[in-house]
PDB file of N, CA and C in Angstrom:
ATOM      1  N   UNK A   1      36.249 -34.942 170.573  1.00  0.00           N
ATOM      2  CA  UNK A   1      35.529 -34.562 169.370  1.00  0.00           C
ATOM      3  C   UNK A   1      35.225 -35.759 168.481  1.00  0.00           C
ATOM      4  N   UNK A   2      35.977 -36.838 168.622  1.00  0.00           N
ATOM      5  CA  UNK A   2      35.726 -37.993 167.788  1.00  0.00           C
ATOM      6  C   UNK A   2      36.648 -38.094 166.595  1.00  0.00           C
ATOM      7  N   UNK A   3      37.520 -37.126 166.385  1.00  0.00           N
ATOM      8  CA  UNK A   3      38.487 -37.166 165.300  1.00  0.00           C
ATOM      9  C   UNK A   3      39.733 -36.398 165.732  1.00  0.00           C
ATOM     10  N   UNK A   4      40.823 -36.598 165.014  1.00  0.00           N
ATOM     11  CA  UNK A   4      42.095 -35.998 165.416  1.00  0.00           C
ATOM     12  C   UNK A   4      42.164 -34.522 165.026  1.00  0.00           C
ATOM     13  N   UNK A   5      43.103 -33.820 165.635  1.00  0.00           N
ATOM     14  CA  UNK A   5      43.313 -32.406 165.303  1.00  0.00           C
ATOM     15  C   UNK A   5      43.762 -32.270 163.857  1.00  0.00           C
ATOM     16  N   UNK A   6      44.568 -33.214 163.390  1.00  0.00           N
ATOM     17  CA  UNK A   6      45.038 -33.183 162.014  1.00  0.00           C
ATOM     18  C   UNK A   6      43.871 -33.249 161.033  1.00  0.00           C
ATOM     19  N   UNK A   7      42.930 -34.133 161.301  1.00  0.00           N
ATOM     20  CA  UNK A   7      41.751 -34.261 160.440  1.00  0.00           C
ATOM     21  C   UNK A   7      40.930 -32.982 160.460  1.00  0.00           C
ATOM     22  N   UNK A   8      40.751 -32.404 161.644  1.00  0.00           N
ATOM     23  CA  UNK A   8      39.975 -31.171 161.765  1.00  0.00           C
ATOM     24  C   UNK A   8      40.588 -30.056 160.924  1.00  0.00           C
ATOM     25  N   UNK A   9      41.891 -29.848 161.058  1.00  0.00           N
ATOM     26  CA  UNK A   9      42.533 -28.749 160.338  1.00  0.00           C
ATOM     27  C   UNK A   9      42.631 -29.023 158.843  1.00  0.00           C
ATOM     28  N   UNK A  10      42.750 -30.288 158.434  1.00  0.00           N
ATOM     29  CA  UNK A  10      42.752 -30.617 157.016  1.00  0.00           C
ATOM     30  C   UNK A  10      41.401 -30.291 156.390  1.00  0.00           C
ATOM     31  N   UNK A  11      40.333 -30.649 157.074  1.00  0.00           N
ATOM     32  CA  UNK A  11      38.987 -30.358 156.574  1.00  0.00           C
ATOM     33  C   UNK A  11      38.722 -28.861 156.603  1.00  0.00           C
ATOM     34  N   UNK A  12      39.157 -28.189 157.661  1.00  0.00           N
ATOM     35  CA  UNK A  12      38.967 -26.739 157.776  1.00  0.00           C
ATOM     36  C   UNK A  12      39.698 -26.020 156.653  1.00  0.00           C
ATOM     37  N   UNK A  13      40.916 -26.443 156.351  1.00  0.00           N
ATOM     38  CA  UNK A  13      41.682 -25.823 155.277  1.00  0.00           C
ATOM     39  C   UNK A  13      40.989 -26.042 153.925  1.00  0.00           C
ATOM     40  N   UNK A  14      40.500 -27.243 153.675  1.00  0.00           N
ATOM     41  CA  UNK A  14      39.807 -27.523 152.411  1.00  0.00           C
ATOM     42  C   UNK A  14      38.530 -26.705 152.303  1.00  0.00           C
ATOM     43  N   UNK A  15      37.809 -26.547 153.410  1.00  0.00           N
ATOM     44  CA  UNK A  15      36.568 -25.764 153.392  1.00  0.00           C
ATOM     45  C   UNK A  15      36.882 -24.291 153.139  1.00  0.00           C
ATOM     46  N   UNK A  16      37.926 -23.782 153.782  1.00  0.00           N
ATOM     47  CA  UNK A  16      38.307 -22.382 153.588  1.00  0.00           C
ATOM     48  C   UNK A  16      38.780 -22.133 152.163  1.00  0.00           C
ATOM     49  N   UNK A  17      39.416 -23.115 151.562  1.00  0.00           N
ATOM     50  CA  UNK A  17      39.952 -22.944 150.212  1.00  0.00           C
ATOM     51  C   UNK A  17      38.873 -23.036 149.142  1.00  0.00           C
ATOM     52  N   UNK A  18      37.896 -23.942 149.298  1.00  0.00           N
ATOM     53  CA  UNK A  18      36.948 -24.128 148.205  1.00  0.00           C
ATOM     54  C   UNK A  18      35.514 -24.367 148.619  1.00  0.00           C
ATOM     55  N   UNK A  19      35.207 -24.303 149.884  1.00  0.00           N
ATOM     56  CA  UNK A  19      33.839 -24.486 150.343  1.00  0.00           C
ATOM     57  C   UNK A  19      33.431 -25.948 150.354  1.00  0.00           C
ATOM     58  N   UNK A  20      32.150 -26.163 150.345  1.00  0.00           N
ATOM     59  CA  UNK A  20      31.601 -27.511 150.437  1.00  0.00           C
ATOM     60  C   UNK A  20      31.968 -28.339 149.206  1.00  0.00           C
ATOM     61  N   UNK A  21      32.043 -27.709 148.030  1.00  0.00           N
ATOM     62  CA  UNK A  21      32.383 -28.428 146.812  1.00  0.00           C
ATOM     63  C   UNK A  21      33.777 -29.056 146.905  1.00  0.00           C
ATOM     64  N   UNK A  22      34.717 -28.344 147.533  1.00  0.00           N
ATOM     65  CA  UNK A  22      36.068 -28.886 147.680  1.00  0.00           C
ATOM     66  C   UNK A  22      36.063 -30.119 148.573  1.00  0.00           C
ATOM     67  N   UNK A  23      35.226 -30.123 149.597  1.00  0.00           N
ATOM     68  CA  UNK A  23      35.139 -31.288 150.477  1.00  0.00           C
ATOM     69  C   UNK A  23      34.545 -32.479 149.749  1.00  0.00           C
ATOM     70  N   UNK A  24      33.544 -32.254 148.929  1.00  0.00           N
ATOM     71  CA  UNK A  24      32.922 -33.346 148.185  1.00  0.00           C
ATOM     72  C   UNK A  24      33.888 -33.922 147.161  1.00  0.00           C
ATOM     73  N   UNK A  25      34.641 -33.071 146.473  1.00  0.00           N
ATOM     74  CA  UNK A  25      35.590 -33.555 145.483  1.00  0.00           C
ATOM     75  C   UNK A  25      36.741 -34.291 146.136  1.00  0.00           C
ATOM     76  N   UNK A  26      37.169 -33.837 147.310  1.00  0.00           N
ATOM     77  CA  UNK A  26      38.293 -34.478 147.991  1.00  0.00           C
ATOM     78  C   UNK A  26      37.936 -35.887 148.429  1.00  0.00           C
ATOM     79  N   UNK A  27      36.734 -36.089 148.901  1.00  0.00           N
ATOM     80  CA  UNK A  27      36.332 -37.394 149.412  1.00  0.00           C
ATOM     81  C   UNK A  27      35.781 -38.306 148.328  1.00  0.00           C
ATOM     82  N   UNK A  28      35.526 -37.776 147.136  1.00  0.00           N
ATOM     83  CA  UNK A  28      34.975 -38.591 146.059  1.00  0.00           C
ATOM     84  C   UNK A  28      36.016 -39.532 145.483  1.00  0.00           C
ATOM     85  N   UNK A  29      35.580 -40.681 145.055  1.00  0.00           N
ATOM     86  CA  UNK A  29      36.483 -41.666 144.477  1.00  0.00           C
ATOM     87  C   UNK A  29      36.725 -41.326 143.021  1.00  0.00           C
ATOM     88  N   UNK A  30      37.976 -41.315 142.628  1.00  0.00           N
ATOM     89  CA  UNK A  30      38.335 -40.982 141.257  1.00  0.00           C
ATOM     90  C   UNK A  30      38.709 -42.258 140.499  1.00  0.00           C
ATOM     91  N   UNK A  31      38.323 -42.333 139.239  1.00  0.00           N
ATOM     92  CA  UNK A  31      38.617 -43.500 138.420  1.00  0.00           C
ATOM     93  C   UNK A  31      40.068 -43.471 137.963  1.00  0.00           C
ATOM     94  N   UNK A  32      40.668 -44.623 137.895  1.00  0.00           N
ATOM     95  CA  UNK A  32      42.020 -44.758 137.381  1.00  0.00           C
ATOM     96  C   UNK A  32      41.911 -45.179 135.921  1.00  0.00           C
ATOM     97  N   UNK A  33      41.995 -44.215 135.018  1.00  0.00           N
ATOM     98  CA  UNK A  33      41.768 -44.492 133.604  1.00  0.00           C
ATOM     99  C   UNK A  33      42.922 -45.260 132.965  1.00  0.00           C
ATOM    100  N   UNK A  34      44.072 -45.322 133.640  1.00  0.00           N
ATOM    101  CA  UNK A  34      45.191 -46.072 133.080  1.00  0.00           C
ATOM    102  C   UNK A  34      44.884 -47.565 133.057  1.00  0.00           C
ATOM    103  N   UNK A  35      44.014 -48.033 133.935  1.00  0.00           N
ATOM    104  CA  UNK A  35      43.727 -49.457 134.020  1.00  0.00           C
ATOM    105  C   UNK A  35      42.540 -49.870 133.162  1.00  0.00           C
ATOM    106  N   UNK A  36      42.109 -49.030 132.273  1.00  0.00           N
ATOM    107  CA  UNK A  36      40.959 -49.350 131.444  1.00  0.00           C
ATOM    108  C   UNK A  36      41.393 -50.104 130.193  1.00  0.00           C
ATOM    109  N   UNK A  37      40.503 -50.968 129.696  1.00  0.00           N
ATOM    110  CA  UNK A  37      40.753 -51.660 128.436  1.00  0.00           C
ATOM    111  C   UNK A  37      40.019 -50.908 127.339  1.00  0.00           C
ATOM    112  N   UNK A  38      40.305 -51.254 126.100  1.00  0.00           N
ATOM    113  CA  UNK A  38      39.668 -50.562 124.986  1.00  0.00           C
ATOM    114  C   UNK A  38      38.175 -50.886 124.938  1.00  0.00           C
ATOM    115  N   UNK A  39      37.439 -50.043 124.263  1.00  0.00           N
ATOM    116  CA  UNK A  39      35.989 -50.191 124.165  1.00  0.00           C
ATOM    117  C   UNK A  39      35.605 -51.481 123.446  1.00  0.00           C
ATOM    118  N   UNK A  40      36.399 -51.905 122.459  1.00  0.00           N
ATOM    119  CA  UNK A  40      36.085 -53.120 121.708  1.00  0.00           C
ATOM    120  C   UNK A  40      36.150 -54.347 122.615  1.00  0.00           C
ATOM    121  N   UNK A  41      37.208 -54.405 123.444  1.00  0.00           N
ATOM    122  CA  UNK A  41      37.361 -55.546 124.353  1.00  0.00           C
ATOM    123  C   UNK A  41      36.255 -55.534 125.396  1.00  0.00           C
ATOM    124  N   UNK A  42      35.977 -54.356 125.942  1.00  0.00           N
ATOM    125  CA  UNK A  42      34.940 -54.256 126.965  1.00  0.00           C
ATOM    126  C   UNK A  42      33.574 -54.642 126.416  1.00  0.00           C
ATOM    127  N   UNK A  43      33.234 -54.169 125.218  1.00  0.00           N
ATOM    128  CA  UNK A  43      31.931 -54.502 124.644  1.00  0.00           C
ATOM    129  C   UNK A  43      31.828 -55.983 124.294  1.00  0.00           C
ATOM    130  N   UNK A  44      32.946 -56.608 123.890  1.00  0.00           N
ATOM    131  CA  UNK A  44      32.928 -58.042 123.586  1.00  0.00           C
ATOM    132  C   UNK A  44      32.616 -58.857 124.836  1.00  0.00           C
ATOM    133  N   UNK A  45      33.231 -58.505 125.954  1.00  0.00           N
ATOM    134  CA  UNK A  45      32.981 -59.257 127.186  1.00  0.00           C
ATOM    135  C   UNK A  45      31.593 -58.991 127.747  1.00  0.00           C
ATOM    136  N   UNK A  46      31.129 -57.771 127.624  1.00  0.00           N
ATOM    137  CA  UNK A  46      29.787 -57.464 128.123  1.00  0.00           C
ATOM    138  C   UNK A  46      28.739 -58.188 127.293  1.00  0.00           C
ATOM    139  N   UNK A  47      28.904 -58.230 125.978  1.00  0.00           N
ATOM    140  CA  UNK A  47      27.931 -58.936 125.143  1.00  0.00           C
ATOM    141  C   UNK A  47      27.957 -60.433 125.430  1.00  0.00           C
ATOM    142  N   UNK A  48      29.146 -60.992 125.687  1.00  0.00           N
ATOM    143  CA  UNK A  48      29.242 -62.410 126.038  1.00  0.00           C
ATOM    144  C   UNK A  48      28.533 -62.685 127.357  1.00  0.00           C
ATOM    145  N   UNK A  49      28.708 -61.788 128.316  1.00  0.00           N
ATOM    146  CA  UNK A  49      28.066 -61.967 129.622  1.00  0.00           C
ATOM    147  C   UNK A  49      26.549 -61.859 129.510  1.00  0.00           C
ATOM    148  N   UNK A  50      26.066 -60.982 128.645  1.00  0.00           N
ATOM    149  CA  UNK A  50      24.620 -60.836 128.488  1.00  0.00           C
ATOM    150  C   UNK A  50      24.009 -62.000 127.713  1.00  0.00           C
ATOM    151  N   UNK A  51      24.751 -62.526 126.741  1.00  0.00           N
ATOM    152  CA  UNK A  51      24.248 -63.671 125.962  1.00  0.00           C
ATOM    153  C   UNK A  51      24.242 -64.948 126.792  1.00  0.00           C
ATOM    154  N   UNK A  52      25.250 -65.108 127.645  1.00  0.00           N
ATOM    155  CA  UNK A  52      25.401 -66.324 128.445  1.00  0.00           C
ATOM    156  C   UNK A  52      25.620 -65.949 129.913  1.00  0.00           C
ATOM    157  N   UNK A  53      24.566 -65.632 130.630  1.00  0.00           N
ATOM    158  CA  UNK A  53      24.738 -65.158 132.013  1.00  0.00           C
ATOM    159  C   UNK A  53      25.251 -66.226 132.974  1.00  0.00           C
ATOM    160  N   UNK A  54      25.205 -67.490 132.586  1.00  0.00           N
ATOM    161  CA  UNK A  54      25.675 -68.544 133.490  1.00  0.00           C
ATOM    162  C   UNK A  54      27.190 -68.758 133.418  1.00  0.00           C
ATOM    163  N   UNK A  55      27.870 -68.115 132.456  1.00  0.00           N
ATOM    164  CA  UNK A  55      29.318 -68.280 132.330  1.00  0.00           C
ATOM    165  C   UNK A  55      30.041 -67.580 133.459  1.00  0.00           C
ATOM    166  N   UNK A  56      31.085 -68.246 133.965  1.00  0.00           N
ATOM    167  CA  UNK A  56      31.955 -67.585 134.924  1.00  0.00           C
ATOM    168  C   UNK A  56      33.076 -66.886 134.156  1.00  0.00           C
ATOM    169  N   UNK A  57      34.050 -66.326 134.878  1.00  0.00           N
ATOM    170  CA  UNK A  57      35.105 -65.552 134.235  1.00  0.00           C
ATOM    171  C   UNK A  57      35.956 -66.397 133.295  1.00  0.00           C
ATOM    172  N   UNK A  58      36.279 -67.609 133.715  1.00  0.00           N
ATOM    173  CA  UNK A  58      37.137 -68.462 132.874  1.00  0.00           C
ATOM    174  C   UNK A  58      36.420 -68.880 131.594  1.00  0.00           C
ATOM    175  N   UNK A  59      35.154 -69.215 131.713  1.00  0.00           N
ATOM    176  CA  UNK A  59      34.394 -69.646 130.536  1.00  0.00           C
ATOM    177  C   UNK A  59      34.189 -68.475 129.566  1.00  0.00           C
ATOM    178  N   UNK A  60      33.905 -67.298 130.110  1.00  0.00           N
ATOM    179  CA  UNK A  60      33.734 -66.122 129.254  1.00  0.00           C
ATOM    180  C   UNK A  60      35.049 -65.781 128.550  1.00  0.00           C
ATOM    181  N   UNK A  61      36.157 -65.926 129.264  1.00  0.00           N
ATOM    182  CA  UNK A  61      37.459 -65.677 128.666  1.00  0.00           C
ATOM    183  C   UNK A  61      37.717 -66.651 127.517  1.00  0.00           C
ATOM    184  N   UNK A  62      37.361 -67.924 127.710  1.00  0.00           N
ATOM    185  CA  UNK A  62      37.557 -68.920 126.655  1.00  0.00           C
ATOM    186  C   UNK A  62      36.708 -68.601 125.428  1.00  0.00           C
ATOM    187  N   UNK A  63      35.479 -68.157 125.651  1.00  0.00           N
ATOM    188  CA  UNK A  63      34.596 -67.837 124.515  1.00  0.00           C
ATOM    189  C   UNK A  63      35.132 -66.659 123.714  1.00  0.00           C
ATOM    190  N   UNK A  64      35.570 -65.630 124.421  1.00  0.00           N
ATOM    191  CA  UNK A  64      36.048 -64.439 123.713  1.00  0.00           C
ATOM    192  C   UNK A  64      37.433 -64.678 123.130  1.00  0.00           C
ATOM    193  N   UNK A  65      38.190 -65.555 123.745  1.00  0.00           N
ATOM    194  CA  UNK A  65      39.524 -65.884 123.234  1.00  0.00           C
ATOM    195  C   UNK A  65      39.422 -66.552 121.861  1.00  0.00           C
ATOM    196  N   UNK A  66      38.332 -67.283 121.626  1.00  0.00           N
ATOM    197  CA  UNK A  66      38.135 -67.905 120.316  1.00  0.00           C
ATOM    198  C   UNK A  66      37.953 -66.860 119.226  1.00  0.00           C
ATOM    199  N   UNK A  67      37.510 -65.662 119.622  1.00  0.00           N
ATOM    200  CA  UNK A  67      37.351 -64.560 118.671  1.00  0.00           C
ATOM    201  C   UNK A  67      38.637 -63.759 118.485  1.00  0.00           C
ATOM    202  N   UNK A  68      39.695 -64.138 119.224  1.00  0.00           N
ATOM    203  CA  UNK A  68      40.974 -63.460 119.056  1.00  0.00           C
ATOM    204  C   UNK A  68      41.221 -62.324 120.023  1.00  0.00           C
ATOM    205  N   UNK A  69      40.452 -62.239 121.094  1.00  0.00           N
ATOM    206  CA  UNK A  69      40.630 -61.198 122.102  1.00  0.00           C
ATOM    207  C   UNK A  69      41.240 -61.846 123.338  1.00  0.00           C
ATOM    208  N   UNK A  70      42.402 -61.348 123.756  1.00  0.00           N
ATOM    209  CA  UNK A  70      43.125 -61.946 124.871  1.00  0.00           C
ATOM    210  C   UNK A  70      43.168 -60.971 126.044  1.00  0.00           C
ATOM    211  N   UNK A  71      42.774 -61.469 127.215  1.00  0.00           N
ATOM    212  CA  UNK A  71      42.786 -60.675 128.445  1.00  0.00           C
ATOM    213  C   UNK A  71      42.846 -61.649 129.615  1.00  0.00           C
ATOM    214  N   UNK A  72      43.326 -61.194 130.762  1.00  0.00           N
ATOM    215  CA  UNK A  72      43.428 -62.072 131.921  1.00  0.00           C
ATOM    216  C   UNK A  72      42.064 -62.280 132.564  1.00  0.00           C
ATOM    217  N   UNK A  73      41.970 -63.313 133.390  1.00  0.00           N
ATOM    218  CA  UNK A  73      40.718 -63.605 134.095  1.00  0.00           C
ATOM    219  C   UNK A  73      40.394 -62.476 135.071  1.00  0.00           C
ATOM    220  N   UNK A  74      41.422 -61.934 135.713  1.00  0.00           N
ATOM    221  CA  UNK A  74      41.202 -60.809 136.624  1.00  0.00           C
ATOM    222  C   UNK A  74      40.723 -59.558 135.898  1.00  0.00           C
ATOM    223  N   UNK A  75      41.183 -59.378 134.675  1.00  0.00           N
ATOM    224  CA  UNK A  75      40.723 -58.238 133.875  1.00  0.00           C
ATOM    225  C   UNK A  75      39.243 -58.334 133.554  1.00  0.00           C
ATOM    226  N   UNK A  76      38.758 -59.539 133.376  1.00  0.00           N
ATOM    227  CA  UNK A  76      37.323 -59.739 133.118  1.00  0.00           C
ATOM    228  C   UNK A  76      36.517 -59.323 134.328  1.00  0.00           C
ATOM    229  N   UNK A  77      36.996 -59.689 135.510  1.00  0.00           N
ATOM    230  CA  UNK A  77      36.304 -59.283 136.735  1.00  0.00           C
ATOM    231  C   UNK A  77      36.217 -57.774 136.872  1.00  0.00           C
ATOM    232  N   UNK A  78      37.296 -57.082 136.486  1.00  0.00           N
ATOM    233  CA  UNK A  78      37.293 -55.618 136.546  1.00  0.00           C
ATOM    234  C   UNK A  78      36.305 -55.031 135.534  1.00  0.00           C
ATOM    235  N   UNK A  79      36.201 -55.636 134.377  1.00  0.00           N
ATOM    236  CA  UNK A  79      35.248 -55.169 133.373  1.00  0.00           C
ATOM    237  C   UNK A  79      33.829 -55.354 133.874  1.00  0.00           C
ATOM    238  N   UNK A  80      33.547 -56.499 134.462  1.00  0.00           N
ATOM    239  CA  UNK A  80      32.191 -56.774 134.941  1.00  0.00           C
ATOM    240  C   UNK A  80      31.791 -55.882 136.095  1.00  0.00           C
ATOM    241  N   UNK A  81      32.778 -55.461 136.898  1.00  0.00           N
ATOM    242  CA  UNK A  81      32.443 -54.553 138.004  1.00  0.00           C
ATOM    243  C   UNK A  81      32.051 -53.216 137.463  1.00  0.00           C
TER     244      UNK A  81
END
């Protein structure tokens, strides 16, 4: 069949329980809201990126850090994504 019996019965059970909508919700990617930063920090980094599109993550962090907003370089990458 191209897939395991376990996969077949898991999908069959989800379809029987909630129809096609249950299958779409099960396979959909859910956001992890615990890893979000505040709106003020996010808007500060987005405005910096739009004003200076040539800045990389470290340079953008330095610019916003001068305004008193502290965040890691990896956090900036997550905001930009």
